[in-house]
Amino acid sequence: MTPDQIPVRGALTADKPLDSLTWLRVGGPADWLFQPADADDLAAFLAALDPAIPVFPMGVGSNLIVRDGGLRGVVIRLGRGFNGIETGELISAGAAALDAHVARKAADAGRDLTFLRTIPGSIGGAVRMNAGCYGTYVADHLIDVTTVDRNGMRHTIPASALNLRYRQSDLPEGMIITSARFDAPEAEPAALHARMADQLAKRDATQPTKERSAGSTFRNPAGFSSTGRDDDRHDLKAWKVIEEAGLRGARLGGAQMSAKHPNFLINAGGASAAHLEALGEQVRKRVLQARGISLEWEIMRVGEVMPDTHVPEIELDTGKTE
């Protein structure tokens, strides 16, 4: 069946622009956007949908560039029916629950998931990407996830089956995460909230949190996230090699590598997805030339390029540095 032939309880919208749903505020339309009411609604829709129609699960758009030509098929965006958080000996969170909210709710209950507090996005994306910071990752706490596959079948997948590693997992193709369970050690709520306040202060001092960005643009060549400790290595951090290539503050149209943190790609005003992606690719090229290091995108880039789109390789305006 085609999407419009399937009865749903959630919201189904044709030709939905996606720019307002991504943190970078770029992107063309999806053929269809489906926002299921709950897991039953999602499973029934996928079971009835023509298998030839592609499906793309989208979180809150915090780590995503949707290209200007948009996305074919159905974009599935989980919302209120998937953002519940339950606390106890284990922490259970819906895939649409924001990482920061999960960290706060857990802390209120005296459970330590503080590493999630400064990670942008939602739990589904955090699991898929094995998100982490300060030396702690989702893999260190995840017990299992519940999912719905492309045929509408439900599964519970243990963390051990996901092969979680730095910014990667082996989540089976077509699986949509609906919730996750975490093991979180006990601690004093006041101490946990104080730790998170310190983490937020450090983040705001070093990252462009008030700009339109998608978080870290490239994975660290070292293969691990910042630990926050005094002995943390900086020689193989993405921001360091970008800065050494002279690209802190580099601009291409409305796209810019942040002057505050050069591994943050920002929409400084009026950027298209084409300019954002082209700037990232030019940064990759110049870092490869300068350091022999091939940076890997951390931001996911999806969708189609607009026909006849051509972004020339121009001399980058590096602007001011801080």
Protein backbone atom coordinates (compact mmCIF):
# COMPACT_ATOMS: atom_id res chain seq x y z
CA MET A 1 0.00 0.00 0.00
CA THR A 2 1.04 3.60 -0.51
CA PRO A 3 1.26 5.83 2.58
CA ASP A 4 -1.99 7.65 1.85
CA GLN A 5 -3.87 4.33 1.67
CA ILE A 6 -2.88 3.27 5.19
CA PRO A 7 -5.13 4.26 8.12
CA VAL A 8 -3.04 5.86 10.86
CA ARG A 9 -3.71 7.45 14.23
CA GLY A 10 -0.68 9.72 14.05
CA ALA A 11 0.06 12.48 11.55
CA LEU A 12 0.89 11.75 7.90
CA THR A 13 1.95 14.70 5.76
CA ALA A 14 2.82 14.76 2.06
CA ASP A 15 5.67 16.90 0.64
CA LYS A 16 6.78 18.00 4.10
CA PRO A 17 9.71 20.47 4.17
CA LEU A 18 12.38 19.17 6.54
CA ASP A 19 14.45 22.33 7.06
CA SER A 20 12.48 23.32 10.16
CA LEU A 21 13.05 19.86 11.67
CA THR A 22 16.86 19.95 11.59
CA TRP A 23 19.15 21.95 13.86
CA LEU A 24 21.01 23.34 10.84
CA ARG A 25 17.69 24.54 9.34
CA VAL A 26 18.40 23.21 5.85
CA GLY A 27 16.90 20.52 3.67
CA GLY A 28 14.30 19.88 1.01
CA PRO A 29 10.97 18.09 1.43
CA ALA A 30 10.20 14.48 2.25
CA ASP A 31 7.71 12.72 0.00
CA TRP A 32 5.93 11.78 3.22
CA LEU A 33 6.46 12.52 6.91
CA PHE A 34 4.85 10.06 9.32
CA GLN A 35 4.63 10.85 13.03
CA PRO A 36 3.16 7.73 14.63
CA ALA A 37 0.97 7.98 17.69
CA ASP A 38 2.69 5.04 19.40
CA ALA A 39 4.50 1.78 18.73
CA ASP A 40 1.31 0.00 17.61
CA ASP A 41 0.62 2.75 15.07
CA LEU A 42 4.20 2.52 13.80
CA ALA A 43 4.16 -1.27 13.51
CA ALA A 44 0.82 -1.33 11.66
CA PHE A 45 1.97 1.35 9.21
CA LEU A 46 5.21 -0.44 8.38
CA ALA A 47 3.46 -3.80 8.00
CA ALA A 48 1.06 -2.29 5.43
CA LEU A 49 3.56 -0.10 3.56
CA ASP A 50 4.74 -1.21 0.12
CA PRO A 51 8.18 -2.81 0.74
CA ALA A 52 9.56 -0.93 -2.27
CA ILE A 53 9.00 2.45 -0.59
CA PRO A 54 12.12 3.52 1.34
CA VAL A 55 11.84 4.52 5.00
CA PHE A 56 14.16 6.85 6.90
CA PRO A 57 13.88 7.16 10.71
CA MET A 58 14.64 10.71 11.83
CA GLY A 59 15.25 11.89 15.36
CA VAL A 60 15.27 15.56 16.34
CA GLY A 61 17.62 16.43 13.49
CA SER A 62 20.54 17.32 15.75
CA ASN A 63 23.17 15.39 13.80
CA LEU A 64 21.83 15.63 10.28
CA ILE A 65 22.17 17.43 6.96
CA VAL A 66 19.19 16.86 4.70
CA ARG A 67 20.26 17.77 1.18
CA ASP A 68 18.36 20.46 -0.71
CA GLY A 69 16.58 17.99 -3.00
CA GLY A 70 14.88 16.34 -0.02
CA LEU A 71 14.18 12.70 0.75
CA ARG A 72 12.25 10.18 -1.27
CA GLY A 73 9.96 7.74 0.49
CA VAL A 74 8.71 8.08 4.05
CA VAL A 75 10.51 9.91 6.85
CA ILE A 76 9.42 8.58 10.24
CA ARG A 77 9.78 10.96 13.15
CA LEU A 78 8.94 9.71 16.62
CA GLY A 79 7.30 12.17 19.01
CA ARG A 80 5.27 12.28 22.19
CA GLY A 81 4.28 8.64 22.12
CA PHE A 82 7.95 7.71 22.35
CA ASN A 83 9.45 10.15 24.87
CA GLY A 84 8.55 8.58 28.19
CA ILE A 85 11.20 8.08 30.89
CA GLU A 86 10.88 5.53 33.70
CA THR A 87 13.30 5.48 36.63
CA GLY A 88 14.15 2.78 39.14
CA GLU A 89 16.98 0.28 39.39
CA LEU A 90 17.07 0.57 35.59
CA ILE A 91 16.34 3.61 33.45
CA SER A 92 13.96 3.09 30.55
CA ALA A 93 13.62 5.83 27.94
CA GLY A 94 11.66 6.21 24.76
CA ALA A 95 13.67 6.77 21.59
CA ALA A 96 12.34 10.32 21.26
CA ALA A 97 13.32 11.31 24.80
CA LEU A 98 16.03 13.96 24.73
CA ASP A 99 19.38 12.82 26.08
CA ALA A 100 19.54 15.81 28.42
CA HIS A 101 16.09 15.03 29.86
CA VAL A 102 17.07 11.42 30.51
CA ALA A 103 20.21 12.54 32.34
CA ARG A 104 18.20 14.94 34.52
CA LYS A 105 15.43 12.47 35.31
CA ALA A 106 17.97 9.80 36.19
CA ALA A 107 19.84 12.23 38.46
CA ASP A 108 16.59 13.13 40.23
CA ALA A 109 16.23 9.41 41.00
CA GLY A 110 19.83 9.12 42.18
CA ARG A 111 21.06 7.32 39.07
CA ASP A 112 24.13 8.36 37.14
CA LEU A 113 23.70 8.91 33.40
CA THR A 114 25.32 12.34 33.58
CA PHE A 115 27.37 11.77 30.42
CA LEU A 116 24.14 12.21 28.42
CA ARG A 117 23.53 15.74 29.72
CA THR A 118 25.58 17.59 27.11
CA ILE A 119 24.92 15.28 24.17
CA PRO A 120 22.51 16.85 21.68
CA GLY A 121 19.65 14.80 20.32
CA SER A 122 17.47 11.94 21.45
CA ILE A 123 18.00 8.46 22.83
CA GLY A 124 17.37 6.63 19.55
CA GLY A 125 20.18 8.49 17.83
CA ALA A 126 22.43 8.20 20.87
CA VAL A 127 22.13 4.41 20.77
CA ARG A 128 22.59 4.17 17.01
CA MET A 129 25.76 6.30 17.18
CA ASN A 130 26.98 4.99 20.56
CA ALA A 131 27.12 8.60 21.71
CA GLY A 132 29.52 9.54 24.43
CA CYS A 133 31.61 12.21 26.07
CA TYR A 134 34.05 12.60 28.97
CA GLY A 135 35.21 9.03 28.39
CA THR A 136 31.77 7.41 28.86
CA TYR A 137 29.61 5.95 26.10
CA VAL A 138 26.12 4.53 25.65
CA ALA A 139 27.82 1.12 25.39
CA ASP A 140 28.92 1.42 29.02
CA HIS A 141 25.31 1.51 30.27
CA LEU A 142 22.97 0.11 27.61
CA ILE A 143 21.15 -3.14 28.43
CA ASP A 144 18.89 -3.55 25.42
CA VAL A 145 16.68 -1.76 22.92
CA THR A 146 13.19 -2.39 21.61
CA THR A 147 12.72 -1.95 17.88
CA VAL A 148 10.26 -2.27 15.03
CA ASP A 149 11.60 -3.63 11.74
CA ARG A 150 10.65 -2.69 8.17
CA ASN A 151 7.93 -5.38 8.17
CA GLY A 152 6.32 -4.10 11.36
CA MET A 153 7.72 -6.87 13.57
CA ARG A 154 8.90 -5.99 17.08
CA HIS A 155 12.20 -7.06 18.58
CA THR A 156 14.21 -6.74 21.77
CA ILE A 157 17.91 -6.58 20.95
CA PRO A 158 20.57 -6.90 23.69
CA ALA A 159 23.35 -4.35 23.68
CA SER A 160 25.89 -7.11 23.08
CA ALA A 161 24.35 -7.77 19.64
CA LEU A 162 24.80 -4.18 18.47
CA ASN A 163 28.63 -4.20 18.38
CA LEU A 164 28.71 -0.70 19.80
CA ARG A 165 31.95 1.17 19.09
CA TYR A 166 33.13 4.73 18.58
CA ARG A 167 30.25 6.55 16.85
CA GLN A 168 28.99 3.31 15.28
CA SER A 169 26.72 0.33 15.84
CA ASP A 170 25.50 -2.69 13.89
CA LEU A 171 21.80 -1.98 14.27
CA PRO A 172 20.17 -4.13 11.59
CA GLU A 173 19.12 -2.32 8.41
CA GLY A 174 15.56 -0.97 8.59
CA MET A 175 15.27 -1.25 12.38
CA ILE A 176 13.63 1.68 14.14
CA ILE A 177 14.50 1.99 17.82
CA THR A 178 11.46 2.72 19.97
CA SER A 179 12.98 2.56 23.47
CA ALA A 180 16.13 1.64 25.40
CA ARG A 181 17.02 0.42 28.88
CA PHE A 182 20.11 1.51 30.80
CA ASP A 183 21.95 0.35 33.87
CA ALA A 184 22.91 3.43 35.89
CA PRO A 185 24.89 3.36 39.17
CA GLU A 186 23.49 4.95 42.29
CA ALA A 187 24.76 8.34 43.44
CA GLU A 188 23.60 11.36 45.39
CA PRO A 189 21.21 13.48 43.28
CA ALA A 190 22.79 16.73 44.42
CA ALA A 191 26.26 15.56 43.38
CA LEU A 192 24.96 14.41 40.00
CA HIS A 193 23.25 17.73 39.30
CA ALA A 194 26.38 19.61 40.37
CA ARG A 195 28.46 17.52 37.97
CA MET A 196 26.08 18.25 35.12
CA ALA A 197 26.14 21.96 35.86
CA ASP A 198 29.93 21.85 35.62
CA GLN A 199 29.74 19.95 32.34
CA LEU A 200 27.32 22.51 30.91
CA ALA A 201 29.58 25.39 31.92
CA LYS A 202 32.55 23.74 30.20
CA ARG A 203 30.50 23.07 27.08
CA ASP A 204 29.18 26.62 26.85
CA ALA A 205 32.69 28.01 27.29
CA THR A 206 34.16 25.97 24.44
CA GLN A 207 31.32 25.25 21.98
CA PRO A 208 29.02 27.48 19.88
CA THR A 209 25.88 26.41 21.75
CA LYS A 210 23.91 29.47 20.62
CA GLU A 211 24.61 28.90 16.93
CA ARG A 212 22.78 26.68 14.44
CA SER A 213 24.99 23.62 14.38
CA ALA A 214 24.73 19.83 14.31
CA GLY A 215 27.26 19.14 17.04
CA SER A 216 30.65 17.70 16.18
CA THR A 217 31.12 17.58 12.41
CA PHE A 218 33.88 14.96 12.15
CA ARG A 219 34.89 11.99 14.28
CA ASN A 220 38.10 12.32 16.22
CA PRO A 221 40.94 10.62 14.29
CA ALA A 222 42.13 9.26 17.64
CA GLY A 223 39.03 7.06 17.71
CA PHE A 224 37.60 8.21 21.04
CA SER A 225 35.74 11.17 22.49
CA SER A 226 37.18 13.76 24.84
CA THR A 227 37.66 12.44 28.34
CA GLY A 228 37.73 15.82 30.06
CA ARG A 229 40.74 14.72 32.09
CA ASP A 230 44.03 16.59 32.37
CA ASP A 231 45.84 13.86 30.44
CA ASP A 232 43.45 14.03 27.49
CA ARG A 233 45.28 13.90 24.13
CA HIS A 234 44.73 16.78 21.72
CA ASP A 235 47.06 15.90 18.86
CA LEU A 236 44.52 13.64 17.14
CA LYS A 237 41.33 15.56 17.87
CA ALA A 238 39.30 16.68 14.87
CA TRP A 239 39.24 20.30 16.06
CA LYS A 240 43.02 20.30 16.43
CA VAL A 241 43.83 19.05 12.94
CA ILE A 242 41.25 21.45 11.44
CA GLU A 243 42.84 24.34 13.28
CA GLU A 244 46.35 23.27 12.22
CA ALA A 245 45.14 23.34 8.60
CA GLY A 246 44.20 27.00 9.11
CA LEU A 247 40.47 26.40 8.91
CA ARG A 248 39.15 27.78 12.19
CA GLY A 249 36.38 30.16 11.13
CA ALA A 250 36.51 29.08 7.46
CA ARG A 251 33.44 30.14 5.45
CA LEU A 252 31.71 29.12 2.25
CA GLY A 253 28.60 31.18 1.62
CA GLY A 254 26.50 31.02 4.79
CA ALA A 255 28.33 27.92 6.03
CA GLN A 256 31.16 28.27 8.54
CA MET A 257 33.49 26.20 10.67
CA SER A 258 32.98 27.84 14.04
CA ALA A 259 35.61 30.28 15.22
CA LYS A 260 34.87 29.14 18.77
CA HIS A 261 35.25 25.41 18.06
CA PRO A 262 36.54 24.51 14.58
CA ASN A 263 34.93 21.06 14.55
CA PHE A 264 31.47 22.63 14.63
CA LEU A 265 29.91 23.32 11.23
CA ILE A 266 27.38 26.13 11.63
CA ASN A 267 24.74 27.85 9.55
CA ALA A 268 25.90 31.42 10.01
CA GLY A 269 22.93 32.68 8.00
CA GLY A 270 21.29 31.63 4.76
CA ALA A 271 23.39 28.55 4.17
CA SER A 272 22.11 25.80 1.91
CA ALA A 273 22.73 22.14 2.54
CA ALA A 274 24.98 22.17 -0.53
CA HIS A 275 27.22 24.87 0.95
CA LEU A 276 27.39 23.14 4.34
CA GLU A 277 28.37 19.82 2.83
CA ALA A 278 30.79 21.43 0.36
CA LEU A 279 32.54 23.30 3.15
CA GLY A 280 32.89 20.07 5.11
CA GLU A 281 34.34 18.31 2.07
CA GLN A 282 36.83 21.12 1.47
CA VAL A 283 37.89 20.90 5.11
CA ARG A 284 38.41 17.16 4.71
CA LYS A 285 40.51 17.74 1.57
CA ARG A 286 42.72 20.36 3.18
CA VAL A 287 43.27 18.36 6.36
CA LEU A 288 44.27 15.38 4.21
CA GLN A 289 46.74 17.57 2.34
CA ALA A 290 48.13 19.16 5.52
CA ARG A 291 48.23 16.15 7.87
CA GLY A 292 47.60 13.04 5.77
CA ILE A 293 44.51 12.39 7.89
CA SER A 294 41.18 11.55 6.25
CA LEU A 295 38.47 12.94 8.52
CA GLU A 296 35.26 10.92 8.74
CA TRP A 297 31.92 12.69 8.89
CA GLU A 298 30.08 12.38 12.18
CA ILE A 299 27.11 14.32 10.84
CA MET A 300 24.80 12.13 8.78
CA ARG A 301 24.10 13.46 5.27
CA VAL A 302 21.01 12.15 3.49
CA GLY A 303 18.74 12.96 0.58
CA GLU A 304 19.17 14.18 -2.95
CA VAL A 305 21.25 17.02 -4.35
CA MET A 306 19.23 19.62 -6.24
CA PRO A 307 19.58 19.18 -10.01
CA ASP A 308 22.28 21.36 -11.58
CA THR A 309 23.61 22.33 -8.16
CA HIS A 310 27.27 23.28 -8.39
CA VAL A 311 29.25 24.72 -5.52
CA PRO A 312 32.64 25.85 -6.85
CA GLU A 313 35.76 25.13 -4.89
CA ILE A 314 36.68 28.65 -3.88
CA GLU A 315 39.32 30.09 -1.64
CA LEU A 316 37.97 29.86 1.86
CA ASP A 317 37.45 33.01 3.86
CA THR A 318 38.91 32.07 7.23
CA GLY A 319 37.62 35.23 8.90
CA LYS A 320 38.59 36.06 12.44
CA THR A 321 39.86 33.55 14.94
CA GLU A 322 39.43 33.47 18.68
